Amino acid sequence: MIHVVAIITTHPGQREKLLAATQANLAAVRAEEGCLEYGLAIDAEKTPAAFGEDTVVVVEKWASPQALAAHARAPHMAAFSAATKDIVATRAIHVLQPA
């Protein structure tokens, strides 16, 4: 199993647009072979460790590295990236394995 934590920060004030685009893509991602979990999260409250009001965290679980690689090549992910390229400021993708 592979875990992914994607931290995506938008340009100021663009988080709602990113959330809408991501939510529109959820069904296609969750239907991919090997997708065990794919969900969106934002800060629950302001704390010293908060990501901030322009950040969305995507929490993912994939059955295998091959499933994750196929996800990265999926046409709907290419379309998502193209549709959100002008609102995303930074993206950090952390690929993890169970300890």
C-alpha atoms as a PDB file:
ATOM      1  CA  MET A   1       0.000   0.000   0.000  1.00  0.00           C
ATOM      2  CA  ILE A   2       1.138   3.528  -0.773  1.00  0.00           C
ATOM      3  CA  HIS A   3       0.042   6.661   1.074  1.00  0.00           C
ATOM      4  CA  VAL A   4       0.117  10.089  -0.524  1.00  0.00           C
ATOM      5  CA  VAL A   5      -0.252  13.474   1.107  1.00  0.00           C
ATOM      6  CA  ALA A   6      -0.528  16.242  -1.462  1.00  0.00           C
ATOM      7  CA  ILE A   7      -0.317  19.788  -0.146  1.00  0.00           C
ATOM      8  CA  ILE A   8      -1.619  22.230  -2.726  1.00  0.00           C
ATOM      9  CA  THR A   9      -1.527  25.969  -2.117  1.00  0.00           C
ATOM     10  CA  THR A  10      -3.381  28.312  -4.412  1.00  0.00           C
ATOM     11  CA  HIS A  11      -2.733  31.906  -5.240  1.00  0.00           C
ATOM     12  CA  PRO A  12      -4.475  34.131  -2.650  1.00  0.00           C
ATOM     13  CA  GLY A  13      -8.228  33.731  -2.586  1.00  0.00           C
ATOM     14  CA  GLN A  14      -8.368  30.847  -5.083  1.00  0.00           C
ATOM     15  CA  ARG A  15      -8.923  27.885  -2.732  1.00  0.00           C
ATOM     16  CA  GLU A  16     -12.669  27.607  -3.424  1.00  0.00           C
ATOM     17  CA  LYS A  17     -11.961  27.281  -7.161  1.00  0.00           C
ATOM     18  CA  LEU A  18      -9.453  24.520  -6.456  1.00  0.00           C
ATOM     19  CA  LEU A  19     -11.893  22.736  -4.144  1.00  0.00           C
ATOM     20  CA  ALA A  20     -14.619  22.873  -6.800  1.00  0.00           C
ATOM     21  CA  ALA A  21     -12.303  21.504  -9.506  1.00  0.00           C
ATOM     22  CA  THR A  22     -11.024  18.769  -7.219  1.00  0.00           C
ATOM     23  CA  GLN A  23     -14.509  17.754  -6.107  1.00  0.00           C
ATOM     24  CA  ALA A  24     -15.591  17.567  -9.750  1.00  0.00           C
ATOM     25  CA  ASN A  25     -12.719  15.110 -10.336  1.00  0.00           C
ATOM     26  CA  LEU A  26     -13.358  12.922  -7.258  1.00  0.00           C
ATOM     27  CA  ALA A  27     -15.631  10.333  -8.857  1.00  0.00           C
ATOM     28  CA  ALA A  28     -13.165   9.651 -11.674  1.00  0.00           C
ATOM     29  CA  VAL A  29     -10.241   9.287  -9.262  1.00  0.00           C
ATOM     30  CA  ARG A  30     -12.141   7.078  -6.828  1.00  0.00           C
ATOM     31  CA  ALA A  31     -13.159   4.814  -9.721  1.00  0.00           C
ATOM     32  CA  GLU A  32      -9.531   4.164 -10.667  1.00  0.00           C
ATOM     33  CA  GLU A  33      -8.246   0.650 -10.110  1.00  0.00           C
ATOM     34  CA  GLY A  34      -6.207   0.563  -6.917  1.00  0.00           C
ATOM     35  CA  CYS A  35      -7.634   3.733  -5.365  1.00  0.00           C
ATOM     36  CA  LEU A  36      -8.388   2.882  -1.748  1.00  0.00           C
ATOM     37  CA  GLU A  37      -8.946   6.410  -0.453  1.00  0.00           C
ATOM     38  CA  TYR A  38      -8.931   9.894  -1.923  1.00  0.00           C
ATOM     39  CA  GLY A  39     -10.205  12.803   0.121  1.00  0.00           C
ATOM     40  CA  LEU A  40      -9.821  16.526   0.606  1.00  0.00           C
ATOM     41  CA  ALA A  41      -9.010  18.321   3.839  1.00  0.00           C
ATOM     42  CA  ILE A  42      -8.513  21.898   5.000  1.00  0.00           C
ATOM     43  CA  ASP A  43      -7.501  23.332   8.353  1.00  0.00           C
ATOM     44  CA  ALA A  44     -10.098  22.668  11.047  1.00  0.00           C
ATOM     45  CA  GLU A  45      -9.001  25.748  12.970  1.00  0.00           C
ATOM     46  CA  LYS A  46      -6.193  28.236  13.063  1.00  0.00           C
ATOM     47  CA  THR A  47      -3.237  26.856  14.958  1.00  0.00           C
ATOM     48  CA  PRO A  48       0.490  27.580  14.769  1.00  0.00           C
ATOM     49  CA  ALA A  49       0.821  24.562  12.452  1.00  0.00           C
ATOM     50  CA  ALA A  50      -2.131  25.461  10.205  1.00  0.00           C
ATOM     51  CA  PHE A  51      -1.562  25.200   6.460  1.00  0.00           C
ATOM     52  CA  GLY A  52      -3.483  28.416   5.812  1.00  0.00           C
ATOM     53  CA  GLU A  53      -6.592  29.607   4.075  1.00  0.00           C
ATOM     54  CA  ASP A  54      -5.232  29.030   0.569  1.00  0.00           C
ATOM     55  CA  THR A  55      -4.206  25.385   1.062  1.00  0.00           C
ATOM     56  CA  VAL A  56      -5.955  22.092   0.338  1.00  0.00           C
ATOM     57  CA  VAL A  57      -4.516  18.774   1.502  1.00  0.00           C
ATOM     58  CA  VAL A  58      -5.362  15.656  -0.490  1.00  0.00           C
ATOM     59  CA  VAL A  59      -5.047  12.423   1.491  1.00  0.00           C
ATOM     60  CA  GLU A  60      -4.720   9.320  -0.678  1.00  0.00           C
ATOM     61  CA  LYS A  61      -4.180   5.575  -0.345  1.00  0.00           C
ATOM     62  CA  TRP A  62      -3.258   3.395  -3.307  1.00  0.00           C
ATOM     63  CA  ALA A  63      -3.035  -0.378  -3.487  1.00  0.00           C
ATOM     64  CA  SER A  64       0.408  -0.291  -5.107  1.00  0.00           C
ATOM     65  CA  PRO A  65       3.036   1.971  -6.630  1.00  0.00           C
ATOM     66  CA  GLN A  66       1.760   0.852 -10.040  1.00  0.00           C
ATOM     67  CA  ALA A  67      -1.762   2.062  -9.215  1.00  0.00           C
ATOM     68  CA  LEU A  68      -0.352   5.436  -8.151  1.00  0.00           C
ATOM     69  CA  ALA A  69       1.689   5.659 -11.355  1.00  0.00           C
ATOM     70  CA  ALA A  70      -1.412   4.891 -13.445  1.00  0.00           C
ATOM     71  CA  HIS A  71      -3.291   7.603 -11.532  1.00  0.00           C
ATOM     72  CA  ALA A  72      -0.600  10.132 -12.417  1.00  0.00           C
ATOM     73  CA  ARG A  73      -1.002   9.239 -16.126  1.00  0.00           C
ATOM     74  CA  ALA A  74      -4.816   9.241 -16.134  1.00  0.00           C
ATOM     75  CA  PRO A  75      -6.423  11.574 -18.699  1.00  0.00           C
ATOM     76  CA  HIS A  76      -8.705  13.128 -16.068  1.00  0.00           C
ATOM     77  CA  MET A  77      -5.635  14.066 -14.007  1.00  0.00           C
ATOM     78  CA  ALA A  78      -4.035  15.748 -17.023  1.00  0.00           C
ATOM     79  CA  ALA A  79      -7.270  17.671 -17.572  1.00  0.00           C
ATOM     80  CA  PHE A  80      -7.400  18.603 -13.874  1.00  0.00           C
ATOM     81  CA  SER A  81      -3.819  19.886 -13.946  1.00  0.00           C
ATOM     82  CA  ALA A  82      -4.506  21.961 -17.045  1.00  0.00           C
ATOM     83  CA  ALA A  83      -7.707  23.387 -15.561  1.00  0.00           C
ATOM     84  CA  THR A  84      -6.041  24.407 -12.284  1.00  0.00           C
ATOM     85  CA  LYS A  85      -2.565  25.477 -13.431  1.00  0.00           C
ATOM     86  CA  ASP A  86      -3.332  29.197 -13.188  1.00  0.00           C
ATOM     87  CA  ILE A  87      -4.700  29.030  -9.633  1.00  0.00           C
ATOM     88  CA  VAL A  88      -2.079  26.739  -8.059  1.00  0.00           C
ATOM     89  CA  ALA A  89       0.928  28.494  -6.526  1.00  0.00           C
ATOM     90  CA  THR A  90       2.726  25.445  -5.085  1.00  0.00           C
ATOM     91  CA  ARG A  91       2.237  21.713  -4.912  1.00  0.00           C
ATOM     92  CA  ALA A  92       4.138  19.255  -2.708  1.00  0.00           C
ATOM     93  CA  ILE A  93       3.422  15.564  -3.206  1.00  0.00           C
ATOM     94  CA  HIS A  94       4.634  13.262  -0.417  1.00  0.00           C
ATOM     95  CA  VAL A  95       4.610   9.548  -1.299  1.00  0.00           C
ATOM     96  CA  LEU A  96       4.865   7.362   1.810  1.00  0.00           C
ATOM     97  CA  GLN A  97       4.821   3.703   2.766  1.00  0.00           C
ATOM     98  CA  PRO A  98       3.470   2.162   5.966  1.00  0.00           C
ATOM     99  CA  ALA A  99       6.061   2.069   8.741  1.00  0.00           C
END
